[in-house]
Amino acid sequence: MLSGIIPIVFVPFDSSGQIDPAGLRRIVQFELAGGADGLGINGFASEAYKLSDAERQRTAEIVTYELGGAIPLVIGLAAGSTEAAIAQARDLEALGPAAYMVLPPSTMNNGPQALIDHYVHVAQATEVPLMVQQSPHIPQYAHCLLSAEQLAEMVHRSMGIRYFKIEGGGASERMQALAPLLPPGVGLFGGVGGLTFLDELEAGAAGVIPGVGFNEVFQQAWAAWKEGQRARVRERLTHYQPLVSAVSSKGHEFSLHARKRLMQRLGLIESAYVRSPSIQPSEAEILEVFAVADQYQLRIAQPEIKPR
């Protein structure tokens, strides 16, 4: 069963906006070296919504082969129909993912029962466990929010649904409502860069699915949580909150730019290109992120000014 810190890797591009495979491999190795419990690809943090179908297949293959089975891989799916989602799931089965993180079809508002049926039918069509992703903070998915009872119905109809990623406004409260309705062995995860990780842990989360770059922050908190040291969890997350907020509290596109610029500064990628359309942060905003990152004893900090 998946648990712990499972970052979604971003997809590096060259200066012309084409996928940089070597950079992607280096990002995977960076997160492996940092002790990630799993990795994800083709989520929001991967700019999956800006990739073609062929590119999403390619990035999944690159990450799979680079991991070599070292840790579990979660692959994101965001098809516009049940039939397309089933086809994508079957095409990717050969890569052996630990789970598919599945967004709902969102172009039309077909109501909650259609979404429940969608997930059940996809789960029944693949051997790979499903992670149902609820992301109402993303405008395209705001109308796809389901109640705890509706989410629980999916699990009781198909045991292929093994995980939920609950993020956006009120995530911890939504987890708290869902957890008692689920059978044993179904995991809950938070997201949104780990901004509310402590609240999610207290609500029953089995981990968090953040972006890349500084996951020592969450690894320290997770290790303390497993040892029952709640005060230590709070202390660690409070200590690092300025960095988490600097990167993740200004919206998704800002976080993409910030993480890519941090990794470019570290020498892991040559270009910090984010595909269009996007909101370009000012250089002052990026320098502010750098300054906050350099206050901590983290791999992402500049070596020459890293605190002792």
Protein backbone atom coordinates (compact mmCIF):
# COMPACT_ATOMS: atom_id res chain seq x y z
CA MET A 1 0.00 0.00 0.00
CA LEU A 2 1.26 3.46 -0.87
CA SER A 3 2.18 5.77 1.99
CA GLY A 4 4.53 8.61 2.82
CA ILE A 5 5.94 11.32 0.57
CA ILE A 6 5.20 10.83 -3.13
CA PRO A 7 6.32 13.89 -5.14
CA ILE A 8 4.96 14.61 -8.60
CA VAL A 9 7.98 15.30 -10.80
CA PHE A 10 7.82 18.27 -13.12
CA VAL A 11 8.67 17.86 -16.80
CA PRO A 12 11.71 19.93 -17.81
CA PHE A 13 11.66 21.56 -21.23
CA ASP A 14 14.46 23.04 -23.30
CA SER A 15 14.41 26.71 -24.26
CA SER A 16 12.11 25.96 -27.20
CA GLY A 17 9.56 24.14 -25.05
CA GLN A 18 10.47 20.57 -26.00
CA ILE A 19 10.81 17.81 -23.40
CA ASP A 20 14.30 17.50 -21.90
CA PRO A 21 14.71 13.76 -21.18
CA ALA A 22 18.12 14.10 -19.52
CA GLY A 23 16.80 16.79 -17.20
CA LEU A 24 13.80 14.64 -16.30
CA ARG A 25 16.09 11.75 -15.40
CA ARG A 26 18.16 14.03 -13.16
CA ILE A 27 15.03 15.23 -11.36
CA VAL A 28 14.03 11.59 -10.75
CA GLN A 29 17.48 10.82 -9.35
CA PHE A 30 17.39 13.91 -7.14
CA GLU A 31 14.12 12.80 -5.55
CA LEU A 32 15.33 9.22 -5.21
CA ALA A 33 18.43 10.44 -3.38
CA GLY A 34 16.20 12.49 -1.09
CA GLY A 35 14.36 9.41 0.15
CA ALA A 36 11.01 9.76 -1.61
CA ASP A 37 8.60 6.93 -0.80
CA GLY A 38 7.25 7.01 -4.35
CA LEU A 39 7.10 9.29 -7.37
CA GLY A 40 4.33 10.56 -9.60
CA ILE A 41 4.28 11.71 -13.21
CA ASN A 42 1.66 13.38 -15.40
CA GLY A 43 -0.02 15.31 -12.63
CA PHE A 44 -0.67 19.04 -12.46
CA ALA A 45 2.93 19.58 -11.33
CA SER A 46 4.11 17.79 -14.51
CA GLU A 47 2.15 20.25 -16.68
CA ALA A 48 0.32 17.18 -17.96
CA TYR A 49 -2.51 19.43 -19.12
CA LYS A 50 -0.02 21.08 -21.51
CA LEU A 51 1.34 17.81 -22.95
CA SER A 52 0.14 15.81 -25.92
CA ASP A 53 -0.98 12.20 -25.48
CA ALA A 54 2.31 11.04 -27.00
CA GLU A 55 4.30 13.25 -24.64
CA ARG A 56 2.47 11.93 -21.60
CA GLN A 57 3.26 8.39 -22.71
CA ARG A 58 6.90 9.34 -23.23
CA THR A 59 7.32 11.00 -19.84
CA ALA A 60 5.75 8.00 -18.11
CA GLU A 61 8.19 5.71 -19.90
CA ILE A 62 11.22 7.85 -19.06
CA VAL A 63 10.38 7.98 -15.37
CA THR A 64 9.53 4.27 -15.22
CA TYR A 65 12.83 3.23 -16.77
CA GLU A 66 14.84 5.68 -14.67
CA LEU A 67 13.25 4.41 -11.45
CA GLY A 68 13.85 0.80 -12.39
CA GLY A 69 11.37 -0.34 -9.76
CA ALA A 70 13.29 1.30 -6.91
CA ILE A 71 10.14 2.93 -5.51
CA PRO A 72 6.47 2.90 -6.58
CA LEU A 73 5.33 5.09 -9.47
CA VAL A 74 1.94 6.80 -9.70
CA ILE A 75 0.84 7.86 -13.20
CA GLY A 76 -1.77 10.54 -13.72
CA LEU A 77 -4.74 10.11 -16.06
CA ALA A 78 -7.11 12.89 -17.12
CA ALA A 79 -9.21 11.57 -19.97
CA GLY A 80 -12.39 13.26 -21.15
CA SER A 81 -14.43 10.06 -21.28
CA THR A 82 -14.67 6.70 -19.56
CA GLU A 83 -13.72 4.92 -22.76
CA ALA A 84 -10.61 7.06 -23.25
CA ALA A 85 -9.58 6.62 -19.61
CA ILE A 86 -9.87 2.84 -19.93
CA ALA A 87 -7.79 2.87 -23.11
CA GLN A 88 -5.10 5.00 -21.46
CA ALA A 89 -5.05 2.78 -18.39
CA ARG A 90 -4.63 -0.36 -20.45
CA ASP A 91 -1.90 1.22 -22.61
CA LEU A 92 0.12 2.11 -19.50
CA GLU A 93 -0.30 -1.20 -17.66
CA ALA A 94 2.90 -2.57 -19.20
CA LEU A 95 4.89 0.06 -17.27
CA GLY A 96 3.76 -1.53 -13.99
CA PRO A 97 2.58 1.55 -12.09
CA ALA A 98 1.60 1.23 -8.44
CA ALA A 99 -1.51 3.32 -9.07
CA TYR A 100 -3.24 5.63 -11.52
CA MET A 101 -4.08 9.06 -10.14
CA VAL A 102 -7.30 9.80 -12.01
CA LEU A 103 -8.96 13.17 -12.54
CA PRO A 104 -12.65 13.20 -13.48
CA PRO A 105 -13.96 14.11 -16.94
CA SER A 106 -14.70 17.81 -16.50
CA THR A 107 -15.74 19.42 -19.78
CA MET A 108 -19.43 18.91 -19.01
CA ASN A 109 -21.24 18.82 -15.70
CA ASN A 110 -22.94 15.44 -15.87
CA GLY A 111 -23.65 15.20 -12.16
CA PRO A 112 -22.15 13.13 -9.35
CA GLN A 113 -23.59 9.74 -10.31
CA ALA A 114 -21.95 9.90 -13.73
CA LEU A 115 -18.59 10.59 -12.08
CA ILE A 116 -19.03 7.76 -9.60
CA ASP A 117 -19.88 5.37 -12.43
CA HIS A 118 -16.88 6.64 -14.41
CA TYR A 119 -14.42 5.74 -11.68
CA VAL A 120 -16.04 2.37 -11.00
CA HIS A 121 -15.94 1.38 -14.67
CA VAL A 122 -12.30 2.44 -15.07
CA ALA A 123 -11.33 0.53 -11.92
CA GLN A 124 -13.09 -2.58 -13.18
CA ALA A 125 -11.21 -2.40 -16.49
CA THR A 126 -7.63 -2.40 -15.17
CA GLU A 127 -5.52 -4.36 -12.70
CA VAL A 128 -3.80 -1.16 -11.55
CA PRO A 129 -5.28 0.41 -8.39
CA LEU A 130 -6.94 3.79 -8.81
CA MET A 131 -6.37 6.98 -6.84
CA VAL A 132 -9.39 9.25 -7.20
CA GLN A 133 -8.21 12.86 -7.42
CA GLN A 134 -10.48 15.58 -6.04
CA SER A 135 -9.03 19.02 -6.91
CA PRO A 136 -11.82 21.61 -6.70
CA HIS A 137 -9.27 24.43 -6.31
CA ILE A 138 -8.46 23.98 -10.01
CA PRO A 139 -11.18 25.91 -11.90
CA GLN A 140 -11.76 23.18 -14.48
CA TYR A 141 -12.61 20.70 -11.70
CA ALA A 142 -14.55 22.92 -9.29
CA HIS A 143 -17.88 21.37 -10.32
CA CYS A 144 -16.54 17.81 -9.88
CA LEU A 145 -16.43 17.89 -6.08
CA LEU A 146 -18.07 14.82 -4.56
CA SER A 147 -19.29 14.27 -1.01
CA ALA A 148 -17.72 11.79 1.38
CA GLU A 149 -20.69 9.46 0.89
CA GLN A 150 -20.35 9.61 -2.89
CA LEU A 151 -16.62 8.87 -2.74
CA ALA A 152 -17.19 5.97 -0.36
CA GLU A 153 -19.77 4.52 -2.74
CA MET A 154 -17.03 4.03 -5.33
CA VAL A 155 -14.94 1.89 -2.99
CA HIS A 156 -17.89 -0.27 -2.00
CA ARG A 157 -18.66 -0.88 -5.68
CA SER A 158 -15.07 -1.60 -6.76
CA MET A 159 -12.10 -2.65 -4.65
CA GLY A 160 -9.89 -1.40 -7.46
CA ILE A 161 -10.31 2.08 -5.99
CA ARG A 162 -7.63 2.06 -3.29
CA TYR A 163 -6.69 5.70 -2.76
CA PHE A 164 -8.03 9.24 -2.70
CA LYS A 165 -6.09 12.45 -3.23
CA ILE A 166 -8.08 15.13 -1.45
CA GLU A 167 -6.84 18.68 -1.99
CA GLY A 168 -8.06 22.25 -2.19
CA GLY A 169 -10.24 24.14 0.25
CA GLY A 170 -11.29 22.22 3.35
CA ALA A 171 -9.16 19.20 2.43
CA SER A 172 -8.57 18.05 6.00
CA GLU A 173 -12.25 18.38 6.89
CA ARG A 174 -13.20 16.42 3.77
CA MET A 175 -10.71 13.71 4.69
CA GLN A 176 -12.07 13.58 8.22
CA ALA A 177 -15.57 13.03 6.86
CA LEU A 178 -14.44 10.36 4.39
CA ALA A 179 -12.07 8.29 6.54
CA PRO A 180 -14.70 6.57 8.75
CA LEU A 181 -16.72 5.55 5.68
CA LEU A 182 -13.87 3.59 4.11
CA PRO A 183 -12.87 -0.04 4.67
CA PRO A 184 -9.36 -0.84 5.93
CA GLY A 185 -6.61 -0.56 3.35
CA VAL A 186 -7.84 2.53 1.52
CA GLY A 187 -5.36 5.41 1.69
CA LEU A 188 -5.92 9.17 1.78
CA PHE A 189 -3.37 11.68 0.50
CA GLY A 190 -3.14 15.46 0.54
CA GLY A 191 -1.63 17.72 -2.09
CA VAL A 192 -1.31 21.44 -2.92
CA GLY A 193 2.39 21.43 -2.13
CA GLY A 194 1.92 20.18 1.43
CA LEU A 195 0.54 23.51 2.66
CA THR A 196 -1.80 21.80 5.15
CA PHE A 197 0.06 18.53 5.70
CA LEU A 198 -0.28 18.50 9.50
CA ASP A 199 -4.05 18.99 9.38
CA GLU A 200 -4.29 16.22 6.79
CA LEU A 201 -2.24 13.81 8.90
CA GLU A 202 -4.50 14.47 11.86
CA ALA A 203 -7.50 13.78 9.61
CA GLY A 204 -6.17 10.35 8.64
CA ALA A 205 -3.89 10.94 5.65
CA ALA A 206 -1.40 8.23 4.72
CA GLY A 207 0.96 10.81 3.24
CA VAL A 208 1.21 13.76 0.89
CA ILE A 209 1.74 14.23 -2.84
CA PRO A 210 3.69 17.49 -3.24
CA GLY A 211 5.97 18.84 -5.95
CA VAL A 212 9.73 18.29 -6.15
CA GLY A 213 12.67 20.16 -4.70
CA PHE A 214 12.65 20.16 -0.91
CA ASN A 215 10.87 17.05 0.27
CA GLU A 216 13.26 16.62 3.19
CA VAL A 217 10.76 18.97 4.81
CA PHE A 218 7.96 16.44 4.58
CA GLN A 219 10.19 13.41 5.12
CA GLN A 220 11.22 14.78 8.52
CA ALA A 221 7.60 15.40 9.48
CA TRP A 222 6.48 11.98 8.21
CA ALA A 223 9.23 10.18 10.14
CA ALA A 224 8.21 11.96 13.33
CA TRP A 225 4.53 11.21 12.70
CA LYS A 226 5.21 7.48 12.36
CA GLU A 227 7.02 7.57 15.70
CA GLY A 228 4.07 9.29 17.36
CA GLN A 229 6.00 12.53 17.93
CA ARG A 230 3.25 15.01 17.13
CA ALA A 231 5.04 17.95 18.71
CA ARG A 232 8.05 17.23 16.50
CA VAL A 233 5.82 17.09 13.41
CA ARG A 234 4.39 20.50 14.22
CA GLU A 235 7.83 21.94 14.98
CA ARG A 236 9.33 20.71 11.70
CA LEU A 237 6.44 21.90 9.54
CA THR A 238 6.31 25.26 11.32
CA HIS A 239 10.06 25.64 10.85
CA TYR A 240 9.82 25.12 7.09
CA GLN A 241 6.46 26.84 6.53
CA PRO A 242 8.04 30.02 5.08
CA LEU A 243 9.59 27.97 2.27
CA VAL A 244 6.49 25.87 1.62
CA SER A 245 4.39 29.03 1.50
CA ALA A 246 6.87 30.94 -0.67
CA VAL A 247 6.66 28.23 -3.33
CA SER A 248 3.11 26.91 -3.04
CA SER A 249 0.82 29.66 -1.77
CA LYS A 250 0.74 31.88 -4.87
CA GLY A 251 -1.03 29.52 -7.22
CA HIS A 252 -0.13 26.48 -9.27
CA GLU A 253 1.64 28.22 -12.16
CA PHE A 254 3.80 30.26 -9.79
CA SER A 255 4.85 27.05 -8.07
CA LEU A 256 5.91 25.57 -11.41
CA HIS A 257 8.13 28.56 -12.16
CA ALA A 258 9.58 28.63 -8.65
CA ARG A 259 10.46 24.94 -8.55
CA LYS A 260 11.99 24.99 -12.02
CA ARG A 261 14.09 28.05 -11.22
CA LEU A 262 15.31 26.41 -8.01
CA MET A 263 16.30 23.27 -9.88
CA GLN A 264 17.91 25.27 -12.68
CA ARG A 265 19.98 27.19 -10.11
CA LEU A 266 21.08 23.85 -8.66
CA GLY A 267 22.27 22.75 -12.10
CA LEU A 268 19.82 19.87 -12.57
CA ILE A 269 18.06 21.39 -15.58
CA GLU A 270 19.36 23.77 -18.22
CA SER A 271 16.13 25.66 -18.82
CA ALA A 272 13.32 26.68 -16.46
CA TYR A 273 10.86 26.90 -19.35
CA VAL A 274 7.18 26.61 -18.42
CA ARG A 275 4.82 26.00 -21.30
CA SER A 276 2.33 28.66 -22.36
CA PRO A 277 -0.06 29.96 -21.41
CA SER A 278 1.35 30.79 -18.00
CA ILE A 279 1.75 33.70 -15.61
CA GLN A 280 5.39 34.76 -15.56
CA PRO A 281 6.54 35.77 -12.08
CA SER A 282 8.76 38.79 -11.67
CA GLU A 283 12.47 38.33 -11.08
CA ALA A 284 12.00 39.91 -7.67
CA GLU A 285 9.49 37.20 -6.74
CA ILE A 286 11.89 34.44 -7.80
CA LEU A 287 14.77 36.03 -5.91
CA GLU A 288 12.55 36.12 -2.84
CA VAL A 289 11.98 32.35 -3.19
CA PHE A 290 15.75 31.85 -3.50
CA ALA A 291 16.36 33.91 -0.37
CA VAL A 292 13.86 31.90 1.65
CA ALA A 293 15.27 28.57 0.39
CA ASP A 294 18.81 29.61 1.33
CA GLN A 295 17.82 30.05 4.97
CA TYR A 296 17.58 26.29 5.40
CA GLN A 297 19.93 23.34 5.52
CA LEU A 298 18.45 21.74 2.41
CA ARG A 299 19.89 20.37 -0.80
CA ILE A 300 18.01 23.04 -2.75
CA ALA A 301 20.01 25.84 -1.07
CA GLN A 302 23.02 27.45 -2.73
CA PRO A 303 26.13 25.53 -1.57
CA GLU A 304 28.22 28.64 -0.94
CA ILE A 305 25.65 30.20 1.40
CA LYS A 306 24.04 27.09 2.86
CA PRO A 307 23.65 27.46 6.65
CA ARG A 308 25.75 25.23 8.81
